[in-house]
Amino acid sequence: MSTLYRRIESFDHEEFEDELVLMEAESQAVVTLNATGRTVWEALDSGATVEEIGGLFQRAFPDNDPAVIRRDVQGVLDTLVEAGLVTADVAES
């Protein structure tokens, strides 16, 4: 089993150059994402797992250590879940 991450519906966003600023409408929690975080966010359009998102980065940066990529992607996802911008549900593999 793996965890499926999905965006919530109640968020506002503003784009500033390469960054994306997200705000959860009800709690008004704010998260600023750099280009990497923004790519993770965009990958969640239809829901995704850490492995799926990590695979995107691994294909884009084949010389990078897959374990480091997975750790970094998980860190972004944890931040988004904590801010209430993303849900994490256990998915059947």
N, C-alpha and C. Protein backbone atom coordinates (compact mmCIF):
# COMPACT_ATOMS: atom_id res chain seq x y z
N MET A 1 0.84 -1.19 0.00
CA MET A 1 0.00 0.00 0.00
C MET A 1 0.88 1.25 0.00
N SER A 2 0.36 2.29 -0.60
CA SER A 2 1.07 3.57 -0.61
C SER A 2 0.08 4.67 -0.29
N THR A 3 0.59 5.85 -0.09
CA THR A 3 -0.26 6.99 0.25
C THR A 3 -0.51 7.82 -1.01
N LEU A 4 -1.78 8.13 -1.23
CA LEU A 4 -2.18 8.97 -2.35
C LEU A 4 -2.43 10.37 -1.82
N TYR A 5 -1.74 11.33 -2.39
CA TYR A 5 -1.87 12.73 -1.98
C TYR A 5 -2.75 13.45 -3.00
N ARG A 6 -3.67 14.27 -2.48
CA ARG A 6 -4.57 15.04 -3.33
C ARG A 6 -4.68 16.47 -2.80
N ARG A 7 -4.81 17.40 -3.73
CA ARG A 7 -5.05 18.80 -3.34
C ARG A 7 -6.47 18.91 -2.78
N ILE A 8 -6.64 19.84 -1.85
CA ILE A 8 -7.99 20.17 -1.41
C ILE A 8 -8.54 21.23 -2.35
N GLU A 9 -9.82 21.44 -2.30
CA GLU A 9 -10.45 22.37 -3.24
C GLU A 9 -10.40 23.83 -2.78
N SER A 10 -10.32 24.06 -1.47
CA SER A 10 -10.47 25.42 -0.95
C SER A 10 -9.13 26.12 -0.74
N PHE A 11 -8.49 26.47 -1.84
CA PHE A 11 -7.24 27.21 -1.73
C PHE A 11 -7.22 28.33 -2.75
N ASP A 12 -6.50 29.39 -2.42
CA ASP A 12 -6.25 30.48 -3.33
C ASP A 12 -4.76 30.44 -3.67
N HIS A 13 -4.38 31.02 -4.77
CA HIS A 13 -2.96 31.04 -5.12
C HIS A 13 -2.60 32.31 -5.88
N GLU A 14 -1.35 32.65 -5.77
CA GLU A 14 -0.76 33.78 -6.48
C GLU A 14 0.58 33.32 -7.01
N GLU A 15 0.91 33.72 -8.22
CA GLU A 15 2.20 33.39 -8.82
C GLU A 15 3.12 34.60 -8.73
N PHE A 16 4.35 34.36 -8.28
CA PHE A 16 5.38 35.39 -8.21
C PHE A 16 6.65 34.80 -8.81
N GLU A 17 6.91 35.16 -10.09
CA GLU A 17 8.05 34.63 -10.82
C GLU A 17 8.01 33.11 -10.78
N ASP A 18 9.04 32.45 -10.22
CA ASP A 18 9.06 30.98 -10.17
C ASP A 18 8.33 30.42 -8.96
N GLU A 19 7.92 31.27 -8.03
CA GLU A 19 7.29 30.80 -6.81
C GLU A 19 5.77 30.79 -6.93
N LEU A 20 5.16 29.95 -6.12
CA LEU A 20 3.70 29.87 -6.04
C LEU A 20 3.33 30.00 -4.57
N VAL A 21 2.46 30.95 -4.26
CA VAL A 21 2.01 31.15 -2.89
C VAL A 21 0.59 30.59 -2.80
N LEU A 22 0.40 29.65 -1.88
CA LEU A 22 -0.90 29.00 -1.68
C LEU A 22 -1.46 29.41 -0.33
N MET A 23 -2.77 29.60 -0.27
CA MET A 23 -3.43 29.91 0.99
C MET A 23 -4.69 29.08 1.11
N GLU A 24 -4.81 28.33 2.20
CA GLU A 24 -6.02 27.57 2.47
C GLU A 24 -7.07 28.56 2.92
N ALA A 25 -8.22 28.57 2.26
CA ALA A 25 -9.23 29.61 2.44
C ALA A 25 -9.78 29.68 3.87
N GLU A 26 -10.07 28.54 4.47
CA GLU A 26 -10.71 28.56 5.80
C GLU A 26 -9.73 28.94 6.91
N SER A 27 -8.60 28.25 6.96
CA SER A 27 -7.64 28.51 8.05
C SER A 27 -6.69 29.66 7.72
N GLN A 28 -6.60 30.02 6.47
CA GLN A 28 -5.69 31.04 5.96
C GLN A 28 -4.22 30.67 6.16
N ALA A 29 -3.95 29.36 6.25
CA ALA A 29 -2.56 28.89 6.28
C ALA A 29 -1.92 29.22 4.94
N VAL A 30 -0.70 29.73 4.98
CA VAL A 30 0.00 30.15 3.77
C VAL A 30 1.28 29.33 3.61
N VAL A 31 1.50 28.89 2.37
CA VAL A 31 2.72 28.16 2.03
C VAL A 31 3.28 28.76 0.74
N THR A 32 4.57 29.07 0.75
CA THR A 32 5.24 29.55 -0.46
C THR A 32 6.09 28.42 -1.01
N LEU A 33 5.88 28.11 -2.28
CA LEU A 33 6.59 27.01 -2.92
C LEU A 33 7.60 27.54 -3.93
N ASN A 34 8.82 27.02 -3.86
CA ASN A 34 9.81 27.35 -4.87
C ASN A 34 9.50 26.52 -6.13
N ALA A 35 10.36 26.56 -7.12
CA ALA A 35 10.10 25.86 -8.38
C ALA A 35 9.92 24.36 -8.16
N THR A 36 10.71 23.76 -7.27
CA THR A 36 10.58 22.33 -6.99
C THR A 36 9.25 22.03 -6.32
N GLY A 37 8.91 22.80 -5.28
CA GLY A 37 7.64 22.62 -4.59
C GLY A 37 6.46 22.83 -5.52
N ARG A 38 6.59 23.79 -6.40
CA ARG A 38 5.53 24.06 -7.36
C ARG A 38 5.32 22.87 -8.29
N THR A 39 6.40 22.23 -8.70
CA THR A 39 6.29 21.04 -9.54
C THR A 39 5.57 19.92 -8.80
N VAL A 40 5.88 19.75 -7.51
CA VAL A 40 5.18 18.76 -6.69
C VAL A 40 3.70 19.10 -6.65
N TRP A 41 3.37 20.35 -6.37
CA TRP A 41 1.97 20.80 -6.30
C TRP A 41 1.23 20.50 -7.60
N GLU A 42 1.86 20.84 -8.71
CA GLU A 42 1.23 20.63 -10.01
C GLU A 42 1.03 19.14 -10.31
N ALA A 43 1.91 18.29 -9.81
CA ALA A 43 1.77 16.85 -9.99
C ALA A 43 0.56 16.30 -9.24
N LEU A 44 0.07 17.05 -8.27
CA LEU A 44 -1.07 16.60 -7.46
C LEU A 44 -2.41 16.95 -8.09
N ASP A 45 -2.41 17.45 -9.30
CA ASP A 45 -3.64 17.86 -9.97
C ASP A 45 -4.70 16.75 -9.95
N SER A 46 -4.29 15.51 -10.19
CA SER A 46 -5.22 14.38 -10.18
C SER A 46 -4.91 13.41 -9.05
N GLY A 47 -4.05 13.81 -8.15
CA GLY A 47 -3.62 12.92 -7.07
C GLY A 47 -2.39 12.15 -7.51
N ALA A 48 -1.48 11.89 -6.59
CA ALA A 48 -0.25 11.18 -6.91
C ALA A 48 0.37 10.63 -5.64
N THR A 49 1.23 9.65 -5.80
CA THR A 49 2.00 9.09 -4.69
C THR A 49 3.40 9.70 -4.68
N VAL A 50 4.11 9.51 -3.59
CA VAL A 50 5.50 9.97 -3.50
C VAL A 50 6.31 9.32 -4.62
N GLU A 51 6.06 8.05 -4.86
CA GLU A 51 6.80 7.32 -5.88
C GLU A 51 6.56 7.90 -7.28
N GLU A 52 5.32 8.25 -7.58
CA GLU A 52 5.00 8.83 -8.89
C GLU A 52 5.68 10.18 -9.07
N ILE A 53 5.60 11.02 -8.05
CA ILE A 53 6.22 12.35 -8.14
C ILE A 53 7.74 12.22 -8.18
N GLY A 54 8.27 11.33 -7.34
CA GLY A 54 9.71 11.09 -7.36
C GLY A 54 10.19 10.63 -8.72
N GLY A 55 9.38 9.80 -9.40
CA GLY A 55 9.72 9.33 -10.73
C GLY A 55 9.83 10.47 -11.73
N LEU A 56 8.95 11.47 -11.59
CA LEU A 56 9.02 12.65 -12.47
C LEU A 56 10.36 13.35 -12.32
N PHE A 57 10.76 13.55 -11.06
CA PHE A 57 12.04 14.22 -10.80
C PHE A 57 13.21 13.35 -11.23
N GLN A 58 13.12 12.04 -11.02
CA GLN A 58 14.21 11.14 -11.39
C GLN A 58 14.43 11.15 -12.90
N ARG A 59 13.34 11.21 -13.66
CA ARG A 59 13.49 11.28 -15.12
C ARG A 59 14.10 12.63 -15.54
N ALA A 60 13.73 13.69 -14.85
CA ALA A 60 14.25 15.02 -15.18
C ALA A 60 15.71 15.18 -14.73
N PHE A 61 16.07 14.52 -13.63
CA PHE A 61 17.41 14.64 -13.05
C PHE A 61 17.98 13.25 -12.77
N PRO A 62 18.33 12.50 -13.83
CA PRO A 62 18.74 11.10 -13.65
C PRO A 62 20.01 10.91 -12.84
N ASP A 63 20.83 11.92 -12.70
CA ASP A 63 22.07 11.78 -11.94
C ASP A 63 21.87 11.98 -10.44
N ASN A 64 20.69 12.44 -10.03
CA ASN A 64 20.43 12.66 -8.61
C ASN A 64 20.07 11.35 -7.91
N ASP A 65 20.42 11.26 -6.66
CA ASP A 65 20.15 10.08 -5.85
C ASP A 65 18.64 9.92 -5.64
N PRO A 66 18.05 8.79 -6.04
CA PRO A 66 16.61 8.59 -5.86
C PRO A 66 16.14 8.72 -4.41
N ALA A 67 16.98 8.31 -3.46
CA ALA A 67 16.60 8.42 -2.05
C ALA A 67 16.50 9.88 -1.62
N VAL A 68 17.38 10.71 -2.12
CA VAL A 68 17.35 12.14 -1.80
C VAL A 68 16.12 12.78 -2.43
N ILE A 69 15.84 12.43 -3.67
CA ILE A 69 14.65 12.95 -4.34
C ILE A 69 13.40 12.58 -3.56
N ARG A 70 13.28 11.31 -3.17
CA ARG A 70 12.10 10.85 -2.43
C ARG A 70 11.97 11.61 -1.11
N ARG A 71 13.08 11.79 -0.40
CA ARG A 71 13.06 12.51 0.88
C ARG A 71 12.59 13.95 0.68
N ASP A 72 13.09 14.61 -0.36
CA ASP A 72 12.72 16.00 -0.62
C ASP A 72 11.24 16.12 -1.02
N VAL A 73 10.78 15.21 -1.88
CA VAL A 73 9.36 15.21 -2.27
C VAL A 73 8.48 14.96 -1.05
N GLN A 74 8.87 14.02 -0.20
CA GLN A 74 8.09 13.73 1.00
C GLN A 74 8.04 14.95 1.92
N GLY A 75 9.14 15.69 2.01
CA GLY A 75 9.17 16.90 2.83
C GLY A 75 8.18 17.94 2.34
N VAL A 76 8.11 18.14 1.03
CA VAL A 76 7.15 19.09 0.47
C VAL A 76 5.73 18.62 0.76
N LEU A 77 5.46 17.33 0.54
CA LEU A 77 4.12 16.79 0.79
C LEU A 77 3.73 16.92 2.25
N ASP A 78 4.65 16.65 3.16
CA ASP A 78 4.37 16.78 4.59
C ASP A 78 3.99 18.22 4.94
N THR A 79 4.70 19.19 4.36
CA THR A 79 4.40 20.60 4.60
C THR A 79 3.01 20.95 4.10
N LEU A 80 2.67 20.46 2.90
CA LEU A 80 1.36 20.74 2.33
C LEU A 80 0.22 20.10 3.13
N VAL A 81 0.45 18.90 3.63
CA VAL A 81 -0.55 18.23 4.48
C VAL A 81 -0.72 19.01 5.78
N GLU A 82 0.39 19.38 6.40
CA GLU A 82 0.35 20.12 7.67
C GLU A 82 -0.39 21.45 7.52
N ALA A 83 -0.25 22.09 6.37
CA ALA A 83 -0.91 23.37 6.12
C ALA A 83 -2.38 23.21 5.75
N GLY A 84 -2.82 21.96 5.56
CA GLY A 84 -4.21 21.71 5.21
C GLY A 84 -4.51 21.91 3.74
N LEU A 85 -3.49 21.90 2.90
CA LEU A 85 -3.66 22.10 1.47
C LEU A 85 -3.76 20.80 0.68
N VAL A 86 -3.36 19.71 1.32
CA VAL A 86 -3.32 18.39 0.67
C VAL A 86 -3.81 17.35 1.66
N THR A 87 -4.52 16.35 1.14
CA THR A 87 -4.91 15.21 1.96
C THR A 87 -4.01 14.02 1.63
N ALA A 88 -3.87 13.13 2.58
CA ALA A 88 -3.06 11.93 2.40
C ALA A 88 -3.93 10.73 2.75
N ASP A 89 -4.20 9.88 1.77
CA ASP A 89 -5.04 8.70 1.96
C ASP A 89 -4.28 7.45 1.56
N VAL A 90 -4.41 6.40 2.37
CA VAL A 90 -3.77 5.13 2.03
C VAL A 90 -4.49 4.55 0.83
N ALA A 91 -3.71 4.19 -0.18
CA ALA A 91 -4.25 3.64 -1.42
C ALA A 91 -3.81 2.19 -1.57
N GLU A 92 -4.68 1.38 -2.12
CA GLU A 92 -4.33 -0.01 -2.41
C GLU A 92 -3.37 -0.02 -3.57
N SER A 93 -2.31 -0.81 -3.50
CA SER A 93 -1.32 -0.88 -4.58
C SER A 93 -1.76 -1.83 -5.65
